[in-house]
Amino acid sequence: LRIGTTADLVEQVLRGRLEAAIAGDAPAHSDLSSES
């Protein structure tokens, strides 16, 4: 479990350092999918 800000968590998912994250807002990135 890694703690971070929404921007940090999204970046870590994009770089493959995290497999998933619960973030504050849905990321606006075409390589990611989100669910509320």
PDB file of all heavy atoms in Angstrom:
ATOM      1  N   LEU A   1       0.838  -1.185   0.000  1.00  0.00           N
ATOM      2  CA  LEU A   1       0.000   0.000   0.000  1.00  0.00           C
ATOM      3  C   LEU A   1       0.881   1.246   0.000  1.00  0.00           C
ATOM      4  O   LEU A   1       1.761   1.385   0.843  1.00  0.00           O
ATOM      5  CB  LEU A   1      -0.920   0.006   1.224  1.00  0.00           C
ATOM      6  CG  LEU A   1      -1.873   1.179   1.346  1.00  0.00           C
ATOM      7  CD1 LEU A   1      -2.821   1.233   0.153  1.00  0.00           C
ATOM      8  CD2 LEU A   1      -2.650   1.073   2.653  1.00  0.00           C
ATOM      9  N   ARG A   2       0.628   2.116  -0.958  1.00  0.00           N
ATOM     10  CA  ARG A   2       1.383   3.369  -1.041  1.00  0.00           C
ATOM     11  C   ARG A   2       0.411   4.535  -0.967  1.00  0.00           C
ATOM     12  O   ARG A   2      -0.616   4.543  -1.643  1.00  0.00           O
ATOM     13  CB  ARG A   2       2.181   3.425  -2.336  1.00  0.00           C
ATOM     14  CG  ARG A   2       3.183   2.281  -2.416  1.00  0.00           C
ATOM     15  CD  ARG A   2       4.111   2.416  -3.574  1.00  0.00           C
ATOM     16  NE  ARG A   2       4.833   1.163  -3.758  1.00  0.00           N
ATOM     17  CZ  ARG A   2       5.144   0.642  -4.925  1.00  0.00           C
ATOM     18  NH1 ARG A   2       4.826   1.282  -6.030  1.00  0.00           N
ATOM     19  NH2 ARG A   2       5.781  -0.496  -5.005  1.00  0.00           N
ATOM     20  N   ILE A   3       0.760   5.501  -0.143  1.00  0.00           N
ATOM     21  CA  ILE A   3      -0.075   6.683   0.065  1.00  0.00           C
ATOM     22  C   ILE A   3       0.455   7.818  -0.797  1.00  0.00           C
ATOM     23  O   ILE A   3       1.669   7.989  -0.941  1.00  0.00           O
ATOM     24  CB  ILE A   3      -0.031   7.113   1.557  1.00  0.00           C
ATOM     25  CG1 ILE A   3      -0.394   5.935   2.465  1.00  0.00           C
ATOM     26  CG2 ILE A   3      -0.913   8.313   1.811  1.00  0.00           C
ATOM     27  CD1 ILE A   3      -1.760   5.362   2.253  1.00  0.00           C
ATOM     28  N   GLY A   4      -0.450   8.604  -1.381  1.00  0.00           N
ATOM     29  CA  GLY A   4      -0.013   9.737  -2.185  1.00  0.00           C
ATOM     30  C   GLY A   4      -1.171  10.650  -2.536  1.00  0.00           C
ATOM     31  O   GLY A   4      -2.318  10.386  -2.191  1.00  0.00           O
ATOM     32  N   THR A   5      -0.834  11.688  -3.251  1.00  0.00           N
ATOM     33  CA  THR A   5      -1.855  12.597  -3.756  1.00  0.00           C
ATOM     34  C   THR A   5      -2.460  11.992  -5.021  1.00  0.00           C
ATOM     35  O   THR A   5      -1.884  11.063  -5.617  1.00  0.00           O
ATOM     36  CB  THR A   5      -1.248  13.965  -4.099  1.00  0.00           C
ATOM     37  OG1 THR A   5      -0.313  13.773  -5.181  1.00  0.00           O
ATOM     38  CG2 THR A   5      -0.555  14.593  -2.902  1.00  0.00           C
ATOM     39  N   THR A   6      -3.583  12.529  -5.465  1.00  0.00           N
ATOM     40  CA  THR A   6      -4.214  12.016  -6.684  1.00  0.00           C
ATOM     41  C   THR A   6      -3.242  12.078  -7.855  1.00  0.00           C
ATOM     42  O   THR A   6      -3.071  11.095  -8.583  1.00  0.00           O
ATOM     43  CB  THR A   6      -5.499  12.805  -7.002  1.00  0.00           C
ATOM     44  OG1 THR A   6      -6.439  12.561  -5.952  1.00  0.00           O
ATOM     45  CG2 THR A   6      -6.104  12.388  -8.329  1.00  0.00           C
ATOM     46  N   ALA A   7      -2.573  13.209  -8.044  1.00  0.00           N
ATOM     47  CA  ALA A   7      -1.640  13.362  -9.168  1.00  0.00           C
ATOM     48  C   ALA A   7      -0.493  12.354  -9.069  1.00  0.00           C
ATOM     49  O   ALA A   7      -0.103  11.737 -10.071  1.00  0.00           O
ATOM     50  CB  ALA A   7      -1.088  14.786  -9.209  1.00  0.00           C
ATOM     51  N   ASP A   8       0.034  12.155  -7.869  1.00  0.00           N
ATOM     52  CA  ASP A   8       1.134  11.214  -7.657  1.00  0.00           C
ATOM     53  C   ASP A   8       0.671   9.785  -7.946  1.00  0.00           C
ATOM     54  O   ASP A   8       1.374   9.009  -8.598  1.00  0.00           O
ATOM     55  CB  ASP A   8       1.642  11.339  -6.218  1.00  0.00           C
ATOM     56  CG  ASP A   8       2.781  10.383  -5.924  1.00  0.00           C
ATOM     57  OD1 ASP A   8       3.725  10.316  -6.731  1.00  0.00           O
ATOM     58  OD2 ASP A   8       2.718   9.686  -4.877  1.00  0.00           O
ATOM     59  N   LEU A   9      -0.501   9.418  -7.472  1.00  0.00           N
ATOM     60  CA  LEU A   9      -1.013   8.061  -7.676  1.00  0.00           C
ATOM     61  C   LEU A   9      -1.264   7.781  -9.155  1.00  0.00           C
ATOM     62  O   LEU A   9      -0.905   6.719  -9.670  1.00  0.00           O
ATOM     63  CB  LEU A   9      -2.299   7.856  -6.867  1.00  0.00           C
ATOM     64  CG  LEU A   9      -2.134   7.913  -5.345  1.00  0.00           C
ATOM     65  CD1 LEU A   9      -3.500   7.903  -4.667  1.00  0.00           C
ATOM     66  CD2 LEU A   9      -1.265   6.774  -4.839  1.00  0.00           C
ATOM     67  N   VAL A  10      -1.843   8.748  -9.863  1.00  0.00           N
ATOM     68  CA  VAL A  10      -2.076   8.589 -11.297  1.00  0.00           C
ATOM     69  C   VAL A  10      -0.751   8.399 -12.020  1.00  0.00           C
ATOM     70  O   VAL A  10      -0.608   7.517 -12.874  1.00  0.00           O
ATOM     71  CB  VAL A  10      -2.863   9.797 -11.861  1.00  0.00           C
ATOM     72  CG1 VAL A  10      -2.855   9.799 -13.387  1.00  0.00           C
ATOM     73  CG2 VAL A  10      -4.287   9.795 -11.326  1.00  0.00           C
ATOM     74  N   GLU A  11       0.235   9.202 -11.691  1.00  0.00           N
ATOM     75  CA  GLU A  11       1.561   9.091 -12.316  1.00  0.00           C
ATOM     76  C   GLU A  11       2.186   7.716 -12.053  1.00  0.00           C
ATOM     77  O   GLU A  11       2.767   7.105 -12.952  1.00  0.00           O
ATOM     78  CB  GLU A  11       2.475  10.210 -11.794  1.00  0.00           C
ATOM     79  CG  GLU A  11       3.830  10.250 -12.443  1.00  0.00           C
ATOM     80  CD  GLU A  11       3.805  10.566 -13.935  1.00  0.00           C
ATOM     81  OE1 GLU A  11       2.859  11.224 -14.400  1.00  0.00           O
ATOM     82  OE2 GLU A  11       4.738  10.141 -14.631  1.00  0.00           O
ATOM     83  N   GLN A  12       2.062   7.215 -10.827  1.00  0.00           N
ATOM     84  CA  GLN A  12       2.634   5.908 -10.493  1.00  0.00           C
ATOM     85  C   GLN A  12       1.934   4.771 -11.240  1.00  0.00           C
ATOM     86  O   GLN A  12       2.581   3.814 -11.663  1.00  0.00           O
ATOM     87  CB  GLN A  12       2.580   5.669  -8.986  1.00  0.00           C
ATOM     88  CG  GLN A  12       3.603   6.501  -8.221  1.00  0.00           C
ATOM     89  CD  GLN A  12       3.685   6.078  -6.783  1.00  0.00           C
ATOM     90  OE1 GLN A  12       3.957   4.921  -6.501  1.00  0.00           O
ATOM     91  NE2 GLN A  12       3.447   7.025  -5.871  1.00  0.00           N
ATOM     92  N   VAL A  13       0.625   4.879 -11.433  1.00  0.00           N
ATOM     93  CA  VAL A  13      -0.098   3.876 -12.215  1.00  0.00           C
ATOM     94  C   VAL A  13       0.375   3.922 -13.669  1.00  0.00           C
ATOM     95  O   VAL A  13       0.649   2.893 -14.287  1.00  0.00           O
ATOM     96  CB  VAL A  13      -1.630   4.069 -12.117  1.00  0.00           C
ATOM     97  CG1 VAL A  13      -2.361   3.174 -13.120  1.00  0.00           C
ATOM     98  CG2 VAL A  13      -2.118   3.781 -10.701  1.00  0.00           C
ATOM     99  N   LEU A  14       0.492   5.128 -14.231  1.00  0.00           N
ATOM    100  CA  LEU A  14       0.947   5.274 -15.618  1.00  0.00           C
ATOM    101  C   LEU A  14       2.354   4.716 -15.823  1.00  0.00           C
ATOM    102  O   LEU A  14       2.661   4.160 -16.877  1.00  0.00           O
ATOM    103  CB  LEU A  14       0.912   6.748 -16.032  1.00  0.00           C
ATOM    104  CG  LEU A  14      -0.478   7.324 -16.279  1.00  0.00           C
ATOM    105  CD1 LEU A  14      -0.416   8.843 -16.407  1.00  0.00           C
ATOM    106  CD2 LEU A  14      -1.093   6.696 -17.522  1.00  0.00           C
ATOM    107  N   ARG A  15       3.214   4.853 -14.831  1.00  0.00           N
ATOM    108  CA  ARG A  15       4.599   4.356 -14.941  1.00  0.00           C
ATOM    109  C   ARG A  15       4.724   2.870 -14.596  1.00  0.00           C
ATOM    110  O   ARG A  15       5.800   2.309 -14.661  1.00  0.00           O
ATOM    111  CB  ARG A  15       5.525   5.169 -14.051  1.00  0.00           C
ATOM    112  CG  ARG A  15       5.715   6.590 -14.532  1.00  0.00           C
ATOM    113  CD  ARG A  15       6.630   7.341 -13.568  1.00  0.00           C
ATOM    114  NE  ARG A  15       6.793   8.709 -13.973  1.00  0.00           N
ATOM    115  CZ  ARG A  15       7.883   9.182 -14.548  1.00  0.00           C
ATOM    116  NH1 ARG A  15       8.896   8.397 -14.788  1.00  0.00           N
ATOM    117  NH2 ARG A  15       7.958  10.446 -14.888  1.00  0.00           N
ATOM    118  N   GLY A  16       3.613   2.241 -14.200  1.00  0.00           N
ATOM    119  CA  GLY A  16       3.644   0.820 -13.882  1.00  0.00           C
ATOM    120  C   GLY A  16       4.150   0.507 -12.488  1.00  0.00           C
ATOM    121  O   GLY A  16       4.416  -0.646 -12.170  1.00  0.00           O
ATOM    122  N   ARG A  17       4.285   1.516 -11.654  1.00  0.00           N
ATOM    123  CA  ARG A  17       4.744   1.293 -10.277  1.00  0.00           C
ATOM    124  C   ARG A  17       3.605   0.849  -9.372  1.00  0.00           C
ATOM    125  O   ARG A  17       3.834   0.271  -8.324  1.00  0.00           O
ATOM    126  CB  ARG A  17       5.392   2.560  -9.733  1.00  0.00           C
ATOM    127  CG  ARG A  17       6.677   2.908 -10.458  1.00  0.00           C
ATOM    128  CD  ARG A  17       7.332   4.122  -9.867  1.00  0.00           C
ATOM    129  NE  ARG A  17       8.514   4.464 -10.632  1.00  0.00           N
ATOM    130  CZ  ARG A  17       8.888   5.691 -10.888  1.00  0.00           C
ATOM    131  NH1 ARG A  17       8.180   6.712 -10.446  1.00  0.00           N
ATOM    132  NH2 ARG A  17       9.966   5.924 -11.600  1.00  0.00           N
ATOM    133  N   LEU A  18       2.373   1.166  -9.764  1.00  0.00           N
ATOM    134  CA  LEU A  18       1.174   0.716  -9.060  1.00  0.00           C
ATOM    135  C   LEU A  18       0.275   0.022 -10.067  1.00  0.00           C
ATOM    136  O   LEU A  18       0.177   0.448 -11.218  1.00  0.00           O
ATOM    137  CB  LEU A  18       0.409   1.905  -8.458  1.00  0.00           C
ATOM    138  CG  LEU A  18       1.046   2.699  -7.340  1.00  0.00           C
ATOM    139  CD1 LEU A  18       0.160   3.886  -6.965  1.00  0.00           C
ATOM    140  CD2 LEU A  18       1.287   1.815  -6.118  1.00  0.00           C
ATOM    141  N   GLU A  19      -0.411  -1.016  -9.615  1.00  0.00           N
ATOM    142  CA  GLU A  19      -1.369  -1.668 -10.498  1.00  0.00           C
ATOM    143  C   GLU A  19      -2.722  -0.976 -10.464  1.00  0.00           C
ATOM    144  O   GLU A  19      -3.476  -1.037 -11.434  1.00  0.00           O
ATOM    145  CB  GLU A  19      -1.528  -3.134 -10.111  1.00  0.00           C
ATOM    146  CG  GLU A  19      -0.437  -3.985 -10.736  1.00  0.00           C
ATOM    147  CD  GLU A  19       0.433  -4.647  -9.703  1.00  0.00           C
ATOM    148  OE1 GLU A  19       0.025  -5.691  -9.206  1.00  0.00           O
ATOM    149  OE2 GLU A  19       1.506  -4.127  -9.411  1.00  0.00           O
ATOM    150  N   ALA A  20      -3.038  -0.355  -9.346  1.00  0.00           N
ATOM    151  CA  ALA A  20      -4.319   0.335  -9.198  1.00  0.00           C
ATOM    152  C   ALA A  20      -4.194   1.370  -8.095  1.00  0.00           C
ATOM    153  O   ALA A  20      -3.260   1.321  -7.295  1.00  0.00           O
ATOM    154  CB  ALA A  20      -5.416  -0.665  -8.851  1.00  0.00           C
ATOM    155  N   ALA A  21      -5.156   2.293  -8.072  1.00  0.00           N
ATOM    156  CA  ALA A  21      -5.160   3.323  -7.029  1.00  0.00           C
ATOM    157  C   ALA A  21      -6.574   3.835  -6.819  1.00  0.00           C
ATOM    158  O   ALA A  21      -7.393   3.831  -7.740  1.00  0.00           O
ATOM    159  CB  ALA A  21      -4.233   4.478  -7.407  1.00  0.00           C
ATOM    160  N   ILE A  22      -6.817   4.256  -5.606  1.00  0.00           N
ATOM    161  CA  ILE A  22      -8.047   4.977  -5.302  1.00  0.00           C
ATOM    162  C   ILE A  22      -7.637   6.433  -5.163  1.00  0.00           C
ATOM    163  O   ILE A  22      -6.840   6.778  -4.287  1.00  0.00           O
ATOM    164  CB  ILE A  22      -8.699   4.467  -4.005  1.00  0.00           C
ATOM    165  CG1 ILE A  22      -9.127   3.006  -4.170  1.00  0.00           C
ATOM    166  CG2 ILE A  22      -9.903   5.341  -3.652  1.00  0.00           C
ATOM    167  CD1 ILE A  22      -9.707   2.393  -2.917  1.00  0.00           C
ATOM    168  N   ALA A  23      -8.160   7.253  -6.070  1.00  0.00           N
ATOM    169  CA  ALA A  23      -7.770   8.655  -6.109  1.00  0.00           C
ATOM    170  C   ALA A  23      -8.995   9.537  -5.885  1.00  0.00           C
ATOM    171  O   ALA A  23     -10.128   9.055  -5.873  1.00  0.00           O
ATOM    172  CB  ALA A  23      -7.116   8.974  -7.454  1.00  0.00           C
ATOM    173  N   GLY A  24      -8.737  10.815  -5.732  1.00  0.00           N
ATOM    174  CA  GLY A  24      -9.825  11.752  -5.447  1.00  0.00           C
ATOM    175  C   GLY A  24     -10.735  12.012  -6.623  1.00  0.00           C
ATOM    176  O   GLY A  24     -11.946  12.024  -6.493  1.00  0.00           O
ATOM    177  N   ASP A  25     -10.182  12.215  -7.794  1.00  0.00           N
ATOM    178  CA  ASP A  25     -10.961  12.515  -8.988  1.00  0.00           C
ATOM    179  C   ASP A  25     -10.603  11.504 -10.065  1.00  0.00           C
ATOM    180  O   ASP A  25      -9.493  10.985 -10.094  1.00  0.00           O
ATOM    181  CB  ASP A  25     -10.637  13.918  -9.511  1.00  0.00           C
ATOM    182  CG  ASP A  25     -11.028  14.996  -8.518  1.00  0.00           C
ATOM    183  OD1 ASP A  25     -12.144  14.912  -7.979  1.00  0.00           O
ATOM    184  OD2 ASP A  25     -10.208  15.909  -8.293  1.00  0.00           O
ATOM    185  N   ALA A  26     -11.536  11.270 -10.975  1.00  0.00           N
ATOM    186  CA  ALA A  26     -11.254  10.376 -12.093  1.00  0.00           C
ATOM    187  C   ALA A  26     -10.152  10.983 -12.940  1.00  0.00           C
ATOM    188  O   ALA A  26     -10.247  12.147 -13.332  1.00  0.00           O
ATOM    189  CB  ALA A  26     -12.509  10.164 -12.920  1.00  0.00           C
ATOM    190  N   PRO A  27      -9.095  10.245 -13.225  1.00  0.00           N
ATOM    191  CA  PRO A  27      -7.997  10.788 -14.024  1.00  0.00           C
ATOM    192  C   PRO A  27      -8.431  10.996 -15.470  1.00  0.00           C
ATOM    193  O   PRO A  27      -9.105  10.154 -16.043  1.00  0.00           O
ATOM    194  CB  PRO A  27      -6.912   9.719 -13.925  1.00  0.00           C
ATOM    195  CG  PRO A  27      -7.636   8.461 -13.587  1.00  0.00           C
ATOM    196  CD  PRO A  27      -8.851   8.863 -12.817  1.00  0.00           C
ATOM    197  N   ALA A  28      -8.055  12.110 -16.021  1.00  0.00           N
ATOM    198  CA  ALA A  28      -8.373  12.413 -17.417  1.00  0.00           C
ATOM    199  C   ALA A  28      -7.191  11.977 -18.273  1.00  0.00           C
ATOM    200  O   ALA A  28      -6.430  12.797 -18.763  1.00  0.00           O
ATOM    201  CB  ALA A  28      -8.644  13.902 -17.580  1.00  0.00           C
ATOM    202  N   HIS A  29      -7.036  10.671 -18.427  1.00  0.00           N
ATOM    203  CA  HIS A  29      -5.926  10.150 -19.220  1.00  0.00           C
ATOM    204  C   HIS A  29      -6.426   8.964 -20.043  1.00  0.00           C
ATOM    205  O   HIS A  29      -7.078   8.066 -19.514  1.00  0.00           O
ATOM    206  CB  HIS A  29      -4.775   9.720 -18.313  1.00  0.00           C
ATOM    207  CG  HIS A  29      -3.496   9.587 -19.043  1.00  0.00           C
ATOM    208  ND1 HIS A  29      -3.227   8.542 -19.878  1.00  0.00           N
ATOM    209  CD2 HIS A  29      -2.413  10.395 -19.079  1.00  0.00           C
ATOM    210  CE1 HIS A  29      -2.024   8.687 -20.396  1.00  0.00           C
ATOM    211  NE2 HIS A  29      -1.509   9.802 -19.934  1.00  0.00           N
ATOM    212  N   SER A  30      -6.089   8.946 -21.332  1.00  0.00           N
ATOM    213  CA  SER A  30      -6.610   7.918 -22.234  1.00  0.00           C
ATOM    214  C   SER A  30      -6.072   6.520 -21.929  1.00  0.00           C
ATOM    215  O   SER A  30      -6.684   5.529 -22.320  1.00  0.00           O
ATOM    216  CB  SER A  30      -6.290   8.295 -23.681  1.00  0.00           C
ATOM    217  OG  SER A  30      -4.887   8.361 -23.866  1.00  0.00           O
ATOM    218  N   ASP A  31      -4.944   6.412 -21.248  1.00  0.00           N
ATOM    219  CA  ASP A  31      -4.372   5.101 -20.935  1.00  0.00           C
ATOM    220  C   ASP A  31      -4.947   4.492 -19.654  1.00  0.00           C
ATOM    221  O   ASP A  31      -4.564   3.380 -19.290  1.00  0.00           O
ATOM    222  CB  ASP A  31      -2.845   5.201 -20.800  1.00  0.00           C
ATOM    223  CG  ASP A  31      -2.162   5.452 -22.125  1.00  0.00           C
ATOM    224  OD1 ASP A  31      -2.793   5.180 -23.171  1.00  0.00           O
ATOM    225  OD2 ASP A  31      -1.017   5.928 -22.122  1.00  0.00           O
ATOM    226  N   LEU A  32      -5.797   5.212 -18.977  1.00  0.00           N
ATOM    227  CA  LEU A  32      -6.354   4.727 -17.712  1.00  0.00           C
ATOM    228  C   LEU A  32      -7.867   4.607 -17.796  1.00  0.00           C
ATOM    229  O   LEU A  32      -8.523   5.369 -18.488  1.00  0.00           O
ATOM    230  CB  LEU A  32      -6.002   5.676 -16.568  1.00  0.00           C
ATOM    231  CG  LEU A  32      -4.524   5.856 -16.268  1.00  0.00           C
ATOM    232  CD1 LEU A  32      -4.332   6.892 -15.156  1.00  0.00           C
ATOM    233  CD2 LEU A  32      -3.887   4.531 -15.872  1.00  0.00           C
ATOM    234  N   SER A  33      -8.381   3.660 -17.056  1.00  0.00           N
ATOM    235  CA  SER A  33      -9.832   3.576 -16.908  1.00  0.00           C
ATOM    236  C   SER A  33     -10.137   3.792 -15.427  1.00  0.00           C
ATOM    237  O   SER A  33      -9.314   3.531 -14.566  1.00  0.00           O
ATOM    238  CB  SER A  33     -10.353   2.226 -17.386  1.00  0.00           C
ATOM    239  OG  SER A  33      -9.825   1.198 -16.600  1.00  0.00           O
ATOM    240  N   SER A  34     -11.329   4.275 -15.175  1.00  0.00           N
ATOM    241  CA  SER A  34     -11.695   4.556 -13.783  1.00  0.00           C
ATOM    242  C   SER A  34     -13.120   4.121 -13.535  1.00  0.00           C
ATOM    243  O   SER A  34     -13.916   3.966 -14.459  1.00  0.00           O
ATOM    244  CB  SER A  34     -11.513   6.034 -13.475  1.00  0.00           C
ATOM    245  OG  SER A  34     -12.398   6.819 -14.250  1.00  0.00           O
ATOM    246  N   GLU A  35     -13.401   3.953 -12.273  1.00  0.00           N
ATOM    247  CA  GLU A  35     -14.738   3.575 -11.844  1.00  0.00           C
ATOM    248  C   GLU A  35     -15.022   4.332 -10.550  1.00  0.00           C
ATOM    249  O   GLU A  35     -14.177   4.378  -9.662  1.00  0.00           O
ATOM    250  CB  GLU A  35     -14.785   2.073 -11.596  1.00  0.00           C
ATOM    251  CG  GLU A  35     -16.155   1.573 -11.230  1.00  0.00           C
ATOM    252  CD  GLU A  35     -16.188   0.050 -11.124  1.00  0.00           C
ATOM    253  OE1 GLU A  35     -15.527  -0.627 -11.917  1.00  0.00           O
ATOM    254  OE2 GLU A  35     -16.868  -0.435 -10.206  1.00  0.00           O
ATOM    255  N   SER A  36     -16.194   4.865 -10.456  1.00  0.00           N
ATOM    256  CA  SER A  36     -16.566   5.602  -9.262  1.00  0.00           C
ATOM    257  C   SER A  36     -16.917   4.628  -8.147  1.00  0.00           C
ATOM    258  O   SER A  36     -17.685   3.688  -8.337  1.00  0.00           O
ATOM    259  CB  SER A  36     -17.763   6.504  -9.551  1.00  0.00           C
ATOM    260  OG  SER A  36     -18.153   7.151  -8.349  1.00  0.00           O
TER     261      SER A  36
END
